[in-house]
Amino acid sequence: MGVIGNKSDTLQFSKFIASHIKCYDIQNGYPLNTPAIVHFSCNNVVANLRNRVKHQVALLLGGYDNDTGSLLSSIDAQGSSQTLNYAVYGMGYSVCNRILQKTWKPDLPFDEAHEIIRAVELSAINHGSNRNWKAVVLNVLTTVAFPIMLAMAAFSFELPLDNLMNFNISVTSLATSAKFIIYVKQLHKVLEIEQLLAELDARNFVDDLFPPMVLILIAGQCELLFIRISHIGYDRCDQRANEQKLIDCIEDQQKIYRIHELTMDIISWPLLVQFVVISIDVGAALCTLFFYVNDVYGRVYYVSFIFALALQIFPVCYYGTMVDYQFERLQTAVYSSNWIDQSLAYRRSAIIFAERTQRLPKQLAGNFIPIALTTFLANCKAAYSFCTLIADTRSED
């Protein structure tokens, strides 16, 4: 069933039709066939019009059963139905409809029908890609040309305030473009992270936002794993079931470590770029605030600007420290379980788990700067040092 109309109308009407079809099946012991569903849907569209219910919807119903065979029907907003051989909706209508007009014929073999569907999908993708080339060109110009133009105009203004402002924007734009390119190269690893998180969420304990968001998920999964392990042996399960629970926890620990490894591959170098750029920008902004801004509005602007820059790296440093803490907690998780009353196989697995947790995964930006609150404090000190360096240069001039 495909429903076209306002989002709320399509959702309510499709749920209404589906629930009534299911109720008919429960009451009578057999489901409605496709023509009966089309007739029922038409009657409900007409009833809505008669009762002045403002459901502006059109439907496309398709189905197959052994008695009536295949059927594809279109129902308009007035309740009129029409049997169709094929139907196309959306952006690629003109391209896909021409393919179906040329290739469709009655009683198509499955292989030919499958090839037609593949041709329609490829045409729709190519049609959408051809329409998006302007957006691609604009994105490339914004990512590459804009920071280059800013860098070319660096220190070309007469006033030091304008030069510092242009310097801040230029460095930030270059860093943003570099981070974007690095993320694009590592984008395929995000899919593997999503798959592993989906497996972990199935358990009973289940741009700048990306690094702290992923670190929050890793810390949360570590905490849930700690809870699951520490509860083993305190319920009424037998020893074999407890052994399987511990094995499942060990497998989940491997998945968490793999997510962390993939995350570090993605965010390590972008975070190094961000740490360096933030310290430079904050130092330049502090120098501007102390020596060049005299009005209240300017001071409020630069204080807010420095605060916003600090917020770009504080969350990822905070949650990086939290991940370290949760990894360290896993070292004592197995000893919090009721391991004394368990089997010899459980104790051996517990020793293996405890030994594995002794090796803490590394969280390093650029493979040498820790992702932790200590780095945030060091970044603040580096920004102050850069500010004093600019101030000394200014005093010499």
Protein backbone atom coordinates (compact mmCIF):
# COMPACT_ATOMS: atom_id res chain seq x y z
CA MET A 1 0.00 0.00 0.00
CA GLY A 2 1.28 3.42 -0.98
CA VAL A 3 -0.52 6.50 0.36
CA ILE A 4 -0.02 10.01 -1.01
CA GLY A 5 -1.13 13.19 0.76
CA ASN A 6 -0.38 15.14 3.91
CA LYS A 7 1.98 13.32 6.24
CA SER A 8 -0.49 13.05 9.11
CA ASP A 9 -3.33 12.00 6.81
CA THR A 10 -1.33 9.27 5.09
CA LEU A 11 -0.14 7.84 8.42
CA GLN A 12 -3.62 7.80 10.01
CA PHE A 13 -5.42 6.45 6.97
CA SER A 14 -2.90 3.69 6.24
CA LYS A 15 -3.02 2.55 9.89
CA PHE A 16 -6.85 2.62 9.76
CA ILE A 17 -6.99 0.40 6.66
CA ALA A 18 -4.32 -2.01 7.91
CA SER A 19 -5.95 -2.42 11.35
CA HIS A 20 -9.40 -3.13 9.87
CA ILE A 21 -7.97 -5.70 7.45
CA LYS A 22 -6.27 -7.44 10.37
CA CYS A 23 -9.50 -7.36 12.44
CA TYR A 24 -11.41 -8.99 9.56
CA ASP A 25 -8.81 -11.75 9.41
CA ILE A 26 -9.09 -12.37 13.18
CA GLN A 27 -12.91 -12.36 13.20
CA ASN A 28 -13.45 -14.60 10.14
CA GLY A 29 -10.37 -16.77 10.13
CA TYR A 30 -9.25 -15.86 6.61
CA PRO A 31 -7.79 -12.68 5.06
CA LEU A 32 -9.40 -10.39 2.51
CA ASN A 33 -8.16 -10.81 -1.05
CA THR A 34 -6.75 -7.88 -3.01
CA PRO A 35 -9.98 -6.85 -4.87
CA ALA A 36 -11.88 -6.86 -1.56
CA ILE A 37 -9.23 -4.64 0.04
CA VAL A 38 -9.47 -2.21 -2.90
CA HIS A 39 -13.28 -2.13 -2.55
CA PHE A 40 -13.03 -1.61 1.23
CA SER A 41 -10.53 1.25 0.80
CA CYS A 42 -12.70 2.96 -1.83
CA ASN A 43 -15.72 2.80 0.48
CA ASN A 44 -13.72 4.38 3.31
CA VAL A 45 -12.46 7.22 1.09
CA VAL A 46 -16.04 7.92 0.00
CA ALA A 47 -17.26 7.72 3.61
CA ASN A 48 -14.66 10.28 4.63
CA LEU A 49 -15.89 12.64 1.93
CA ARG A 50 -19.51 12.07 2.93
CA ASN A 51 -18.74 12.72 6.61
CA ARG A 52 -16.50 15.69 5.72
CA VAL A 53 -13.43 14.11 7.26
CA LYS A 54 -10.45 16.08 5.98
CA HIS A 55 -8.34 13.13 4.86
CA GLN A 56 -6.89 14.21 1.50
CA VAL A 57 -5.24 10.98 0.38
CA ALA A 58 -4.73 8.92 -2.76
CA LEU A 59 -3.76 5.26 -2.63
CA LEU A 60 -1.86 2.73 -4.67
CA LEU A 61 -2.76 -0.84 -3.67
CA GLY A 62 -1.04 -3.95 -4.97
CA GLY A 63 -1.27 -7.59 -4.01
CA TYR A 64 -1.31 -11.20 -5.08
CA ASP A 65 -3.29 -14.25 -4.02
CA ASN A 66 -3.89 -17.67 -5.55
CA ASP A 67 -7.56 -17.02 -6.41
CA THR A 68 -7.44 -13.63 -8.12
CA GLY A 69 -3.76 -13.44 -9.10
CA SER A 70 -1.89 -10.13 -9.10
CA LEU A 71 -3.66 -6.77 -8.97
CA LEU A 72 -2.47 -3.17 -8.93
CA SER A 73 -5.09 -0.45 -8.38
CA SER A 74 -5.00 3.32 -7.97
CA ILE A 75 -7.59 5.07 -5.77
CA ASP A 76 -7.98 8.84 -6.07
CA ALA A 77 -9.15 11.29 -3.41
CA GLN A 78 -12.80 10.89 -4.57
CA GLY A 79 -12.84 7.12 -4.03
CA SER A 80 -12.63 6.05 -7.68
CA SER A 81 -10.41 3.05 -8.45
CA GLN A 82 -8.55 2.15 -11.61
CA THR A 83 -6.67 -1.04 -12.43
CA LEU A 84 -3.12 -0.40 -13.62
CA ASN A 85 -0.40 -2.44 -15.26
CA TYR A 86 2.35 -0.38 -13.62
CA ALA A 87 2.68 2.88 -11.71
CA VAL A 88 5.45 5.44 -11.14
CA TYR A 89 5.45 8.32 -8.66
CA GLY A 90 8.00 10.88 -7.57
CA MET A 91 10.91 12.80 -9.02
CA GLY A 92 11.90 10.21 -11.63
CA TYR A 93 8.41 9.78 -13.09
CA SER A 94 9.21 10.99 -16.61
CA VAL A 95 12.34 8.85 -17.01
CA CYS A 96 11.02 5.65 -15.41
CA ASN A 97 7.61 5.83 -17.08
CA ARG A 98 9.23 5.83 -20.55
CA ILE A 99 11.15 2.65 -19.68
CA LEU A 100 8.02 0.88 -18.47
CA GLN A 101 6.05 1.93 -21.55
CA LYS A 102 8.67 0.36 -23.82
CA THR A 103 9.44 -2.82 -21.89
CA TRP A 104 6.25 -3.86 -20.08
CA LYS A 105 4.12 -6.67 -21.52
CA PRO A 106 1.54 -9.06 -20.03
CA ASP A 107 2.74 -12.20 -18.23
CA LEU A 108 6.36 -11.10 -17.95
CA PRO A 109 8.81 -13.81 -16.78
CA PHE A 110 10.41 -13.16 -13.43
CA ASP A 111 13.91 -12.59 -14.85
CA GLU A 112 12.70 -10.00 -17.37
CA ALA A 113 10.62 -8.23 -14.72
CA HIS A 114 13.64 -8.12 -12.42
CA GLU A 115 15.79 -6.59 -15.16
CA ILE A 116 13.13 -3.94 -15.82
CA ILE A 117 13.03 -3.01 -12.13
CA ARG A 118 16.82 -2.71 -12.06
CA ALA A 119 16.75 -0.48 -15.14
CA VAL A 120 14.09 1.71 -13.51
CA GLU A 121 16.12 2.03 -10.29
CA LEU A 122 19.30 2.97 -12.17
CA SER A 123 17.42 5.55 -14.23
CA ALA A 124 15.94 7.11 -11.10
CA ILE A 125 19.38 7.28 -9.46
CA ASN A 126 21.00 8.80 -12.55
CA HIS A 127 18.16 11.29 -12.88
CA GLY A 128 18.59 12.42 -9.28
CA SER A 129 22.38 12.61 -9.69
CA ASN A 130 22.09 14.77 -12.79
CA ARG A 131 19.82 17.17 -10.95
CA ASN A 132 22.19 17.49 -7.99
CA TRP A 133 25.33 18.52 -9.91
CA LYS A 134 24.74 22.17 -9.05
CA ALA A 135 24.71 21.34 -5.33
CA VAL A 136 27.93 19.32 -5.76
CA VAL A 137 29.69 22.22 -7.51
CA LEU A 138 28.49 24.67 -4.85
CA ASN A 139 29.71 22.34 -2.08
CA VAL A 140 33.15 22.01 -3.70
CA LEU A 141 33.45 25.77 -4.13
CA THR A 142 32.44 26.36 -0.52
CA THR A 143 34.81 23.70 0.82
CA VAL A 144 37.88 24.57 -1.26
CA ALA A 145 37.61 28.01 -2.85
CA PHE A 146 36.25 29.95 0.14
CA PRO A 147 39.12 29.20 2.57
CA ILE A 148 41.68 29.75 -0.21
CA MET A 149 40.27 33.21 -0.96
CA LEU A 150 40.33 34.07 2.74
CA ALA A 151 43.93 32.91 3.07
CA MET A 152 44.95 35.00 0.05
CA ALA A 153 43.54 38.09 1.74
CA ALA A 154 45.32 37.39 5.06
CA PHE A 155 47.06 40.40 6.65
CA SER A 156 46.10 42.65 3.71
CA PHE A 157 44.03 45.08 5.82
CA GLU A 158 45.31 48.26 7.37
CA LEU A 159 43.71 47.79 10.79
CA PRO A 160 45.11 45.02 13.08
CA LEU A 161 41.56 44.20 14.23
CA ASP A 162 40.50 43.37 10.67
CA ASN A 163 43.64 41.29 10.12
CA LEU A 164 43.03 39.27 13.30
CA MET A 165 39.39 38.70 12.43
CA ASN A 166 40.29 37.55 8.91
CA PHE A 167 43.02 35.34 10.39
CA ASN A 168 40.51 33.65 12.72
CA ILE A 169 38.02 33.03 9.92
CA SER A 170 40.72 31.79 7.51
CA VAL A 171 42.24 29.28 9.95
CA THR A 172 38.80 28.02 10.99
CA SER A 173 37.66 27.61 7.37
CA LEU A 174 40.82 25.74 6.38
CA ALA A 175 40.52 23.47 9.39
CA THR A 176 36.84 22.80 8.68
CA SER A 177 37.63 21.87 5.08
CA ALA A 178 40.47 19.58 6.20
CA LYS A 179 38.23 17.87 8.76
CA PHE A 180 35.48 17.43 6.16
CA ILE A 181 37.87 15.77 3.71
CA ILE A 182 39.24 13.42 6.40
CA TYR A 183 35.73 12.45 7.48
CA VAL A 184 34.71 11.73 3.88
CA LYS A 185 37.64 9.35 3.44
CA GLN A 186 36.65 7.44 6.59
CA LEU A 187 32.89 7.54 5.99
CA HIS A 188 32.63 3.83 5.11
CA LYS A 189 33.64 2.91 8.66
CA VAL A 190 30.55 4.66 10.07
CA LEU A 191 28.41 1.89 8.52
CA GLU A 192 30.31 -0.77 10.45
CA ILE A 193 29.89 1.25 13.67
CA GLU A 194 26.13 1.41 13.08
CA GLN A 195 25.95 -2.35 12.50
CA LEU A 196 27.87 -3.12 15.71
CA LEU A 197 25.75 -0.67 17.72
CA ALA A 198 22.60 -2.28 16.34
CA GLU A 199 23.80 -5.67 17.61
CA LEU A 200 24.63 -4.24 21.03
CA ASP A 201 21.28 -2.42 21.29
CA ALA A 202 19.51 -5.73 20.70
CA ARG A 203 20.71 -6.96 24.11
CA ASN A 204 18.55 -6.72 27.21
CA PHE A 205 20.79 -4.01 28.55
CA VAL A 206 20.95 -2.19 25.84
CA ASP A 207 30.71 17.46 11.99
CA ASP A 208 31.67 18.41 15.76
CA LEU A 209 28.76 16.51 17.23
CA PHE A 210 29.98 13.17 15.87
CA PRO A 211 33.03 12.58 18.17
CA PRO A 212 31.28 13.29 21.51
CA MET A 213 28.14 11.49 20.34
CA VAL A 214 30.03 8.29 19.52
CA LEU A 215 32.06 8.52 22.74
CA ILE A 216 28.79 8.85 24.70
CA LEU A 217 27.53 5.67 23.04
CA ILE A 218 30.76 3.81 23.81
CA ALA A 219 30.69 4.92 27.46
CA GLY A 220 27.04 3.94 27.76
CA GLN A 221 27.64 0.50 26.24
CA CYS A 222 30.55 -0.04 28.64
CA GLU A 223 28.36 0.83 31.60
CA LEU A 224 25.59 -1.51 30.41
CA LEU A 225 28.16 -4.27 29.92
CA PHE A 226 29.42 -3.70 33.48
CA ILE A 227 25.86 -4.03 34.82
CA ARG A 228 25.19 -7.22 32.85
CA ILE A 229 28.42 -8.88 34.01
CA SER A 230 28.03 -7.87 37.65
CA HIS A 231 24.50 -9.38 37.74
CA ILE A 232 25.60 -12.83 36.55
CA GLY A 233 25.09 -15.57 39.15
CA TYR A 234 22.58 -13.76 41.31
CA ASP A 235 19.45 -15.09 39.58
CA ARG A 236 18.08 -18.62 39.35
CA CYS A 237 19.85 -19.58 36.13
CA ASP A 238 21.98 -22.73 36.10
CA GLN A 239 25.74 -22.70 35.68
CA ARG A 240 25.63 -23.48 31.95
CA ALA A 241 23.34 -20.49 31.33
CA ASN A 242 25.69 -18.27 33.35
CA GLU A 243 28.64 -19.49 31.25
CA GLN A 244 26.78 -18.51 28.08
CA LYS A 245 25.95 -15.10 29.56
CA LEU A 246 29.62 -14.45 30.26
CA ILE A 247 30.61 -15.58 26.76
CA ASP A 248 28.02 -13.19 25.29
CA CYS A 249 29.48 -10.40 27.41
CA ILE A 250 33.01 -11.18 26.18
CA GLU A 251 31.78 -11.05 22.57
CA ASP A 252 30.09 -7.71 23.26
CA GLN A 253 33.32 -6.43 24.80
CA GLN A 254 35.11 -7.26 21.53
CA LYS A 255 32.43 -5.36 19.61
CA ILE A 256 32.82 -2.32 21.88
CA TYR A 257 36.58 -2.39 21.39
CA ARG A 258 36.06 -2.62 17.63
CA ILE A 259 33.69 0.37 17.70
CA HIS A 260 36.27 2.32 19.68
CA GLU A 261 39.02 1.38 17.21
CA LEU A 262 36.92 2.48 14.24
CA THR A 263 35.97 5.69 16.03
CA MET A 264 39.60 6.56 16.68
CA ASP A 265 40.43 5.91 13.02
CA ILE A 266 37.76 8.43 12.05
CA ILE A 267 38.17 11.22 14.62
CA SER A 268 41.85 11.03 15.61
CA TRP A 269 43.34 13.40 13.03
CA PRO A 270 40.32 15.73 12.75
CA LEU A 271 40.46 16.24 16.51
CA LEU A 272 44.18 17.05 16.32
CA VAL A 273 43.39 19.71 13.72
CA GLN A 274 40.57 21.02 15.89
CA PHE A 275 42.68 21.18 19.06
CA VAL A 276 45.42 23.15 17.30
CA VAL A 277 43.05 25.53 15.54
CA ILE A 278 40.98 26.18 18.67
CA SER A 279 44.07 27.14 20.67
CA ILE A 280 45.18 29.52 17.88
CA ASP A 281 41.73 31.06 17.47
CA VAL A 282 41.20 31.50 21.20
CA GLY A 283 44.65 33.09 21.58
CA ALA A 284 44.00 35.53 18.72
CA ALA A 285 40.54 36.32 20.11
CA LEU A 286 41.99 36.95 23.60
CA CYS A 287 44.57 39.33 22.14
CA THR A 288 41.85 41.18 20.25
CA LEU A 289 39.69 41.36 23.38
CA PHE A 290 42.50 42.69 25.61
CA PHE A 291 44.17 45.18 23.28
CA TYR A 292 41.92 46.23 20.39
CA VAL A 293 38.28 46.20 21.50
CA ASN A 294 37.04 49.21 23.46
CA ASP A 295 33.22 49.12 23.23
CA VAL A 296 30.91 46.90 25.28
CA TYR A 297 29.31 45.18 22.31
CA GLY A 298 32.69 44.16 20.94
CA ARG A 299 33.73 42.71 24.30
CA VAL A 300 30.47 40.74 24.59
CA TYR A 301 30.98 39.44 21.05
CA TYR A 302 34.52 38.20 21.66
CA VAL A 303 33.69 36.71 25.06
CA SER A 304 30.84 34.79 23.43
CA PHE A 305 33.15 33.81 20.57
CA ILE A 306 35.80 32.43 22.95
CA PHE A 307 33.13 30.59 24.95
CA ALA A 308 31.74 29.02 21.75
CA LEU A 309 35.22 27.90 20.67
CA ALA A 310 35.82 26.28 24.06
CA LEU A 311 32.50 24.41 23.79
CA GLN A 312 33.65 22.83 20.54
CA ILE A 313 36.29 20.73 22.29
CA PHE A 314 35.10 20.52 25.91
CA PRO A 315 32.36 17.86 25.29
CA VAL A 316 34.65 15.51 23.39
CA CYS A 317 37.35 15.88 26.06
CA TYR A 318 34.81 15.28 28.84
CA TYR A 319 33.32 12.17 27.23
CA GLY A 320 36.79 10.92 26.34
CA THR A 321 37.61 10.97 30.06
CA MET A 322 34.31 9.20 30.74
CA VAL A 323 35.18 6.45 28.25
CA ASP A 324 38.54 5.94 29.99
CA TYR A 325 36.73 5.67 33.33
CA GLN A 326 34.23 3.11 32.00
CA PHE A 327 37.00 1.00 30.46
CA GLU A 328 38.78 0.96 33.83
CA ARG A 329 35.55 -0.10 35.57
CA LEU A 330 35.32 -3.19 33.35
CA GLN A 331 38.44 -4.53 35.10
CA THR A 332 36.41 -5.16 38.28
CA ALA A 333 33.11 -6.14 36.62
CA VAL A 334 33.68 -9.89 36.60
CA TYR A 335 34.64 -9.86 40.30
CA SER A 336 31.31 -8.19 41.09
CA SER A 337 29.49 -11.24 39.74
CA ASN A 338 28.84 -14.35 41.84
CA TRP A 339 31.88 -16.13 40.38
CA ILE A 340 32.58 -18.16 43.54
CA ASP A 341 29.54 -20.42 43.03
CA GLN A 342 30.11 -20.91 39.30
CA SER A 343 31.69 -23.73 37.32
CA LEU A 344 35.37 -24.13 36.46
CA ALA A 345 34.68 -23.11 32.83
CA TYR A 346 33.06 -19.89 34.02
CA ARG A 347 36.07 -19.05 36.22
CA ARG A 348 38.47 -19.65 33.34
CA SER A 349 36.43 -17.38 31.09
CA ALA A 350 36.33 -14.80 33.88
CA ILE A 351 40.15 -14.84 34.12
CA ILE A 352 40.41 -14.36 30.35
CA PHE A 353 37.96 -11.45 30.51
CA ALA A 354 39.82 -9.84 33.42
CA GLU A 355 43.15 -10.14 31.59
CA ARG A 356 41.68 -8.61 28.43
CA THR A 357 40.37 -5.60 30.33
CA GLN A 358 43.86 -4.84 31.66
CA ARG A 359 44.80 -3.51 28.20
CA LEU A 360 42.97 -0.20 27.97
CA PRO A 361 42.26 1.11 24.45
CA LYS A 362 44.15 4.29 23.62
CA GLN A 363 42.34 7.54 22.88
CA LEU A 364 44.76 9.83 21.10
CA ALA A 365 44.23 12.74 18.74
CA GLY A 366 46.79 12.41 16.00
CA ASN A 367 48.20 9.37 17.84
CA PHE A 368 49.92 11.47 20.53
CA ILE A 369 47.48 13.90 22.24
CA PRO A 370 45.09 12.28 24.78
CA ILE A 371 41.39 12.94 24.30
CA ALA A 372 40.69 13.93 27.89
CA LEU A 373 40.00 16.90 30.14
CA THR A 374 43.74 17.33 30.69
CA THR A 375 44.02 18.15 26.98
CA PHE A 376 41.30 20.76 27.33
CA LEU A 377 43.27 22.47 30.11
CA ALA A 378 46.46 22.21 28.04
CA ASN A 379 44.60 23.76 25.11
CA CYS A 380 43.56 26.71 27.28
CA LYS A 381 47.19 27.19 28.37
CA ALA A 382 48.36 27.02 24.76
CA ALA A 383 45.80 29.67 23.78
CA TYR A 384 47.07 31.96 26.54
CA SER A 385 50.67 31.39 25.40
CA PHE A 386 49.74 32.27 21.84
CA CYS A 387 48.01 35.43 23.12
CA THR A 388 51.14 36.49 25.00
CA LEU A 389 53.22 35.79 21.89
CA ILE A 390 51.04 38.13 19.84
CA ALA A 391 51.16 40.70 22.64
CA ASP A 392 54.99 40.59 22.73
CA THR A 393 55.11 41.05 18.96
CA ARG A 394 52.75 44.01 19.31
CA SER A 395 54.88 45.61 22.02
CA GLU A 396 58.03 45.29 19.89
CA ASP A 397 56.28 47.00 16.99
